[in-house]
Amino acid sequence: MNNKKLGIFLNGINKENPLLVLSIGLCSSLAVTTSIFNGIGMGFAMTFVLLMSELIISLFHKLIPDSIRLPIFIIVIAAFTTIVQLVLAAYLPALSDALGVFLPLIVVNCIIMGRVESFASKSSPGEAVLDSLGMGIGYTWVLCAISLIREFFGAGTFFGIQVLPEAYAIGLFSKAPGGFIVFGLITAITFALNKSAAGGSSK
């Protein structure tokens, strides 16, 4: 993998992380991250839809007229979102119920539409795959980090296993304000680490 392709892949994990840096797709991210299973499930669902949508759009973007490109993009994204919904409903109904309305709302998620429009429609299929995987991994690791903290402090559990007495759990972390607090802390730590790394590399 050459430097350009590696840069495309790593871009979404850190430098242009969709949640920590671009701050898009936050609504569903903070709503479903009350347990690590939800975070992993939402992350994989988003990554699958993003990967397949970017790949298809990249393969056929030269055949899509500019005047109808957005409706076509939405149809493609909706098709793969429906596949994810049906698979989860059939094989992981508990996860499907937990993600609720935010699963079908993947169709209008800003992350997917943004990458399809700004990257996949102008790039080769190989680059589109690398971009989608990088963005998907970047999205998923942040979701998992938020979920892990909120589940542990909010419910006293770790992957559903009770590790902290319920009396010591802090209910705030299971609610919306807790999601914003954890997200803000992770964002601040990430920016501090990136700034420190940039300062060290410039010396």
C-alpha atoms as a PDB file:
ATOM      1  CA  MET A   1       0.000   0.000   0.000  1.00  0.00           C
ATOM      2  CA  ASN A   2       1.570   3.303  -1.094  1.00  0.00           C
ATOM      3  CA  ASN A   3       1.565   6.482   0.999  1.00  0.00           C
ATOM      4  CA  LYS A   4      -1.440   7.975  -0.798  1.00  0.00           C
ATOM      5  CA  LYS A   5      -3.637   4.929  -0.200  1.00  0.00           C
ATOM      6  CA  LEU A   6      -2.438   4.609   3.393  1.00  0.00           C
ATOM      7  CA  GLY A   7      -3.255   8.280   3.927  1.00  0.00           C
ATOM      8  CA  ILE A   8      -6.782   7.785   2.575  1.00  0.00           C
ATOM      9  CA  PHE A   9      -7.338   4.867   4.949  1.00  0.00           C
ATOM     10  CA  LEU A  10      -5.897   6.571   8.051  1.00  0.00           C
ATOM     11  CA  ASN A  11      -7.632   9.866   7.332  1.00  0.00           C
ATOM     12  CA  GLY A  12     -10.991   8.806   8.736  1.00  0.00           C
ATOM     13  CA  ILE A  13      -9.521   7.098  11.787  1.00  0.00           C
ATOM     14  CA  ASN A  14      -7.943  10.228  13.199  1.00  0.00           C
ATOM     15  CA  LYS A  15      -7.224  13.302  11.048  1.00  0.00           C
ATOM     16  CA  GLU A  16     -10.781  13.623   9.692  1.00  0.00           C
ATOM     17  CA  ASN A  17     -12.602  11.385  12.140  1.00  0.00           C
ATOM     18  CA  PRO A  18     -16.304  11.893  11.351  1.00  0.00           C
ATOM     19  CA  LEU A  19     -17.277  12.294  15.003  1.00  0.00           C
ATOM     20  CA  LEU A  20     -14.282  13.824  16.783  1.00  0.00           C
ATOM     21  CA  VAL A  21     -13.088  16.167  14.029  1.00  0.00           C
ATOM     22  CA  LEU A  22     -15.898  16.696  11.515  1.00  0.00           C
ATOM     23  CA  SER A  23     -18.619  16.457  14.198  1.00  0.00           C
ATOM     24  CA  ILE A  24     -21.226  14.891  11.908  1.00  0.00           C
ATOM     25  CA  GLY A  25     -23.573  12.004  12.684  1.00  0.00           C
ATOM     26  CA  LEU A  26     -23.600  12.906  16.379  1.00  0.00           C
ATOM     27  CA  CYS A  27     -27.327  12.400  17.022  1.00  0.00           C
ATOM     28  CA  SER A  28     -27.420   8.628  16.548  1.00  0.00           C
ATOM     29  CA  SER A  29     -23.942   8.256  18.018  1.00  0.00           C
ATOM     30  CA  LEU A  30     -24.907   9.722  21.377  1.00  0.00           C
ATOM     31  CA  ALA A  31     -28.352   8.110  21.409  1.00  0.00           C
ATOM     32  CA  VAL A  32     -27.299   4.461  21.019  1.00  0.00           C
ATOM     33  CA  THR A  33     -24.073   4.421  23.035  1.00  0.00           C
ATOM     34  CA  THR A  34     -25.535   3.297  26.354  1.00  0.00           C
ATOM     35  CA  SER A  35     -23.981  -0.175  25.980  1.00  0.00           C
ATOM     36  CA  ILE A  36     -20.929  -1.563  24.223  1.00  0.00           C
ATOM     37  CA  PHE A  37     -23.054  -4.010  22.208  1.00  0.00           C
ATOM     38  CA  ASN A  38     -25.076  -1.123  20.810  1.00  0.00           C
ATOM     39  CA  GLY A  39     -21.911   0.775  19.928  1.00  0.00           C
ATOM     40  CA  ILE A  40     -20.368  -2.191  18.124  1.00  0.00           C
ATOM     41  CA  GLY A  41     -23.622  -2.997  16.340  1.00  0.00           C
ATOM     42  CA  MET A  42     -24.188   0.557  15.140  1.00  0.00           C
ATOM     43  CA  GLY A  43     -20.547   0.847  14.099  1.00  0.00           C
ATOM     44  CA  PHE A  44     -20.636  -2.298  11.987  1.00  0.00           C
ATOM     45  CA  ALA A  45     -24.000  -1.355  10.459  1.00  0.00           C
ATOM     46  CA  MET A  46     -22.722   2.082   9.463  1.00  0.00           C
ATOM     47  CA  THR A  47     -19.439   0.692   8.137  1.00  0.00           C
ATOM     48  CA  PHE A  48     -21.228  -1.884   5.964  1.00  0.00           C
ATOM     49  CA  VAL A  49     -23.614   0.671   4.464  1.00  0.00           C
ATOM     50  CA  LEU A  50     -20.792   3.167   3.944  1.00  0.00           C
ATOM     51  CA  LEU A  51     -18.523   0.574   2.331  1.00  0.00           C
ATOM     52  CA  MET A  52     -21.098  -0.786  -0.078  1.00  0.00           C
ATOM     53  CA  SER A  53     -22.527   2.646  -0.948  1.00  0.00           C
ATOM     54  CA  GLU A  54     -19.117   4.167  -1.679  1.00  0.00           C
ATOM     55  CA  LEU A  55     -18.110   1.130  -3.743  1.00  0.00           C
ATOM     56  CA  ILE A  56     -21.262   1.129  -5.883  1.00  0.00           C
ATOM     57  CA  ILE A  57     -21.255   4.900  -6.413  1.00  0.00           C
ATOM     58  CA  SER A  58     -17.569   4.844  -7.311  1.00  0.00           C
ATOM     59  CA  LEU A  59     -18.107   2.066  -9.841  1.00  0.00           C
ATOM     60  CA  PHE A  60     -21.007   3.798 -11.604  1.00  0.00           C
ATOM     61  CA  HIS A  61     -20.481   7.517 -10.908  1.00  0.00           C
ATOM     62  CA  LYS A  62     -19.615   8.264 -14.551  1.00  0.00           C
ATOM     63  CA  LEU A  63     -22.993   6.870 -15.621  1.00  0.00           C
ATOM     64  CA  ILE A  64     -25.022   8.932 -13.146  1.00  0.00           C
ATOM     65  CA  PRO A  65     -26.273  12.301 -14.507  1.00  0.00           C
ATOM     66  CA  ASP A  66     -25.484  15.248 -12.222  1.00  0.00           C
ATOM     67  CA  SER A  67     -29.118  16.328 -12.232  1.00  0.00           C
ATOM     68  CA  ILE A  68     -30.272  13.183 -10.416  1.00  0.00           C
ATOM     69  CA  ARG A  69     -27.139  12.169  -8.525  1.00  0.00           C
ATOM     70  CA  LEU A  70     -28.506  12.913  -5.040  1.00  0.00           C
ATOM     71  CA  PRO A  71     -31.695  10.826  -5.472  1.00  0.00           C
ATOM     72  CA  ILE A  72     -29.546   7.994  -6.861  1.00  0.00           C
ATOM     73  CA  PHE A  73     -27.185   8.241  -3.898  1.00  0.00           C
ATOM     74  CA  ILE A  74     -30.113   8.049  -1.468  1.00  0.00           C
ATOM     75  CA  ILE A  75     -31.591   5.020  -3.255  1.00  0.00           C
ATOM     76  CA  VAL A  76     -28.261   3.172  -3.076  1.00  0.00           C
ATOM     77  CA  ILE A  77     -27.769   4.018   0.605  1.00  0.00           C
ATOM     78  CA  ALA A  78     -31.380   3.080   1.395  1.00  0.00           C
ATOM     79  CA  ALA A  79     -30.974  -0.311  -0.312  1.00  0.00           C
ATOM     80  CA  PHE A  80     -28.008  -1.300   1.846  1.00  0.00           C
ATOM     81  CA  THR A  81     -29.604   0.158   4.971  1.00  0.00           C
ATOM     82  CA  THR A  82     -32.630  -2.060   4.339  1.00  0.00           C
ATOM     83  CA  ILE A  83     -30.353  -5.089   4.001  1.00  0.00           C
ATOM     84  CA  VAL A  84     -28.781  -4.290   7.384  1.00  0.00           C
ATOM     85  CA  GLN A  85     -32.209  -3.824   8.977  1.00  0.00           C
ATOM     86  CA  LEU A  86     -33.512  -7.150   7.688  1.00  0.00           C
ATOM     87  CA  VAL A  87     -30.375  -9.076   8.703  1.00  0.00           C
ATOM     88  CA  LEU A  88     -30.363  -7.635  12.229  1.00  0.00           C
ATOM     89  CA  ALA A  89     -34.117  -8.169  12.636  1.00  0.00           C
ATOM     90  CA  ALA A  90     -33.714 -11.808  11.568  1.00  0.00           C
ATOM     91  CA  TYR A  91     -30.549 -12.788  13.435  1.00  0.00           C
ATOM     92  CA  LEU A  92     -30.039 -10.154  16.173  1.00  0.00           C
ATOM     93  CA  PRO A  93     -33.529  -8.924  17.082  1.00  0.00           C
ATOM     94  CA  ALA A  94     -32.431  -7.624  20.492  1.00  0.00           C
ATOM     95  CA  LEU A  95     -29.794  -5.400  18.884  1.00  0.00           C
ATOM     96  CA  SER A  96     -32.260  -4.308  16.211  1.00  0.00           C
ATOM     97  CA  ASP A  97     -34.747  -3.258  18.896  1.00  0.00           C
ATOM     98  CA  ALA A  98     -32.037  -1.492  20.907  1.00  0.00           C
ATOM     99  CA  LEU A  99     -30.907   0.594  17.928  1.00  0.00           C
ATOM    100  CA  GLY A 100     -34.540   1.358  17.148  1.00  0.00           C
ATOM    101  CA  VAL A 101     -35.289   4.249  14.826  1.00  0.00           C
ATOM    102  CA  PHE A 102     -31.616   5.143  14.463  1.00  0.00           C
ATOM    103  CA  LEU A 103     -31.027   2.065  12.317  1.00  0.00           C
ATOM    104  CA  PRO A 104     -33.290   3.154   9.416  1.00  0.00           C
ATOM    105  CA  LEU A 105     -32.034   6.718   9.885  1.00  0.00           C
ATOM    106  CA  ILE A 106     -28.655   5.558   8.557  1.00  0.00           C
ATOM    107  CA  VAL A 107     -30.175   6.454   5.180  1.00  0.00           C
ATOM    108  CA  VAL A 108     -29.901  10.164   5.956  1.00  0.00           C
ATOM    109  CA  ASN A 109     -26.755  10.017   8.067  1.00  0.00           C
ATOM    110  CA  CYS A 110     -24.492  12.926   7.145  1.00  0.00           C
ATOM    111  CA  ILE A 111     -21.362  10.761   7.268  1.00  0.00           C
ATOM    112  CA  ILE A 112     -22.489   8.433   4.488  1.00  0.00           C
ATOM    113  CA  MET A 113     -24.036  11.070   2.258  1.00  0.00           C
ATOM    114  CA  GLY A 114     -21.026  13.331   2.765  1.00  0.00           C
ATOM    115  CA  ARG A 115     -18.450  10.686   1.828  1.00  0.00           C
ATOM    116  CA  VAL A 116     -20.466   9.446  -1.144  1.00  0.00           C
ATOM    117  CA  GLU A 117     -20.847  12.977  -2.502  1.00  0.00           C
ATOM    118  CA  SER A 118     -17.389  14.383  -1.715  1.00  0.00           C
ATOM    119  CA  PHE A 119     -15.205  11.307  -2.215  1.00  0.00           C
ATOM    120  CA  ALA A 120     -16.728   8.182  -3.780  1.00  0.00           C
ATOM    121  CA  SER A 121     -18.324  10.042  -6.695  1.00  0.00           C
ATOM    122  CA  LYS A 122     -14.896  11.387  -7.696  1.00  0.00           C
ATOM    123  CA  SER A 123     -12.572   8.484  -6.868  1.00  0.00           C
ATOM    124  CA  SER A 124     -11.633   4.981  -7.989  1.00  0.00           C
ATOM    125  CA  PRO A 125     -13.329   1.938  -6.414  1.00  0.00           C
ATOM    126  CA  GLY A 126     -10.123   0.983  -4.583  1.00  0.00           C
ATOM    127  CA  GLU A 127      -9.786   4.417  -3.022  1.00  0.00           C
ATOM    128  CA  ALA A 128     -13.487   4.455  -2.152  1.00  0.00           C
ATOM    129  CA  VAL A 129     -13.116   1.152  -0.279  1.00  0.00           C
ATOM    130  CA  LEU A 130     -10.122   2.458   1.680  1.00  0.00           C
ATOM    131  CA  ASP A 131     -11.945   5.686   2.526  1.00  0.00           C
ATOM    132  CA  SER A 132     -15.070   3.879   3.680  1.00  0.00           C
ATOM    133  CA  LEU A 133     -13.111   1.439   5.825  1.00  0.00           C
ATOM    134  CA  GLY A 134     -11.093   4.235   7.418  1.00  0.00           C
ATOM    135  CA  MET A 135     -14.189   6.322   8.109  1.00  0.00           C
ATOM    136  CA  GLY A 136     -16.064   3.265   9.374  1.00  0.00           C
ATOM    137  CA  ILE A 137     -13.287   2.242  11.750  1.00  0.00           C
ATOM    138  CA  GLY A 138     -12.918   5.837  12.932  1.00  0.00           C
ATOM    139  CA  TYR A 139     -16.647   6.045  13.603  1.00  0.00           C
ATOM    140  CA  THR A 140     -16.775   2.648  15.308  1.00  0.00           C
ATOM    141  CA  TRP A 141     -13.851   3.133  17.690  1.00  0.00           C
ATOM    142  CA  VAL A 142     -15.321   6.393  18.971  1.00  0.00           C
ATOM    143  CA  LEU A 143     -18.724   4.736  19.445  1.00  0.00           C
ATOM    144  CA  CYS A 144     -17.122   1.857  21.328  1.00  0.00           C
ATOM    145  CA  ALA A 145     -15.112   4.196  23.553  1.00  0.00           C
ATOM    146  CA  ILE A 146     -18.193   6.254  24.441  1.00  0.00           C
ATOM    147  CA  SER A 147     -20.276   3.105  24.991  1.00  0.00           C
ATOM    148  CA  LEU A 148     -17.655   1.484  27.215  1.00  0.00           C
ATOM    149  CA  ILE A 149     -17.446   4.494  29.525  1.00  0.00           C
ATOM    150  CA  ARG A 150     -21.190   5.116  29.646  1.00  0.00           C
ATOM    151  CA  GLU A 151     -22.046   1.473  30.269  1.00  0.00           C
ATOM    152  CA  PHE A 152     -19.462   1.076  33.026  1.00  0.00           C
ATOM    153  CA  PHE A 153     -20.266   4.252  34.936  1.00  0.00           C
ATOM    154  CA  GLY A 154     -23.954   4.425  34.048  1.00  0.00           C
ATOM    155  CA  ALA A 155     -24.974   0.815  34.705  1.00  0.00           C
ATOM    156  CA  GLY A 156     -21.902  -0.668  36.357  1.00  0.00           C
ATOM    157  CA  THR A 157     -21.603  -3.326  33.654  1.00  0.00           C
ATOM    158  CA  PHE A 158     -18.946  -4.379  31.169  1.00  0.00           C
ATOM    159  CA  PHE A 159     -20.249  -6.167  28.066  1.00  0.00           C
ATOM    160  CA  GLY A 160     -23.444  -6.769  30.032  1.00  0.00           C
ATOM    161  CA  ILE A 161     -21.654  -8.316  33.006  1.00  0.00           C
ATOM    162  CA  GLN A 162     -22.166  -6.558  36.353  1.00  0.00           C
ATOM    163  CA  VAL A 163     -18.730  -5.465  37.580  1.00  0.00           C
ATOM    164  CA  LEU A 164     -19.730  -2.501  39.719  1.00  0.00           C
ATOM    165  CA  PRO A 165     -22.447  -2.577  42.387  1.00  0.00           C
ATOM    166  CA  GLU A 166     -25.586  -0.860  41.122  1.00  0.00           C
ATOM    167  CA  ALA A 167     -25.487   1.426  44.144  1.00  0.00           C
ATOM    168  CA  TYR A 168     -22.270   2.955  42.806  1.00  0.00           C
ATOM    169  CA  ALA A 169     -23.535   3.454  39.240  1.00  0.00           C
ATOM    170  CA  ILE A 170     -23.983   7.065  38.117  1.00  0.00           C
ATOM    171  CA  GLY A 171     -27.302   7.297  36.318  1.00  0.00           C
ATOM    172  CA  LEU A 172     -26.306  10.518  34.570  1.00  0.00           C
ATOM    173  CA  PHE A 173     -24.027   8.576  32.219  1.00  0.00           C
ATOM    174  CA  SER A 174     -26.963   6.528  30.928  1.00  0.00           C
ATOM    175  CA  LYS A 175     -28.849   9.675  29.977  1.00  0.00           C
ATOM    176  CA  ALA A 176     -28.316  12.215  27.194  1.00  0.00           C
ATOM    177  CA  PRO A 177     -26.211  14.662  29.270  1.00  0.00           C
ATOM    178  CA  GLY A 178     -23.822  11.820  30.107  1.00  0.00           C
ATOM    179  CA  GLY A 179     -23.340  11.106  26.419  1.00  0.00           C
ATOM    180  CA  PHE A 180     -22.392  14.716  25.739  1.00  0.00           C
ATOM    181  CA  ILE A 181     -20.004  14.786  28.701  1.00  0.00           C
ATOM    182  CA  VAL A 182     -18.188  11.612  27.626  1.00  0.00           C
ATOM    183  CA  PHE A 183     -18.046  12.719  23.998  1.00  0.00           C
ATOM    184  CA  GLY A 184     -16.631  16.086  25.032  1.00  0.00           C
ATOM    185  CA  LEU A 185     -13.942  14.474  27.198  1.00  0.00           C
ATOM    186  CA  ILE A 186     -12.874  12.045  24.445  1.00  0.00           C
ATOM    187  CA  THR A 187     -12.773  14.900  21.920  1.00  0.00           C
ATOM    188  CA  ALA A 188     -10.664  17.055  24.245  1.00  0.00           C
ATOM    189  CA  ILE A 189      -8.227  14.219  24.983  1.00  0.00           C
ATOM    190  CA  THR A 190      -7.880  13.413  21.284  1.00  0.00           C
ATOM    191  CA  PHE A 191      -7.168  17.025  20.360  1.00  0.00           C
ATOM    192  CA  ALA A 192      -4.628  17.313  23.192  1.00  0.00           C
ATOM    193  CA  LEU A 193      -2.828  14.144  22.078  1.00  0.00           C
ATOM    194  CA  ASN A 194      -2.799  15.243  18.419  1.00  0.00           C
ATOM    195  CA  LYS A 195      -1.484  18.677  19.379  1.00  0.00           C
ATOM    196  CA  SER A 196       1.197  17.119  21.550  1.00  0.00           C
ATOM    197  CA  ALA A 197       2.211  14.723  18.770  1.00  0.00           C
ATOM    198  CA  ALA A 198       2.319  17.540  16.224  1.00  0.00           C
ATOM    199  CA  GLY A 199       4.436  19.661  18.555  1.00  0.00           C
ATOM    200  CA  GLY A 200       6.828  16.800  19.183  1.00  0.00           C
ATOM    201  CA  SER A 201       7.231  16.004  15.498  1.00  0.00           C
ATOM    202  CA  SER A 202       8.005  19.628  14.630  1.00  0.00           C
ATOM    203  CA  LYS A 203      10.960  19.785  17.011  1.00  0.00           C
END
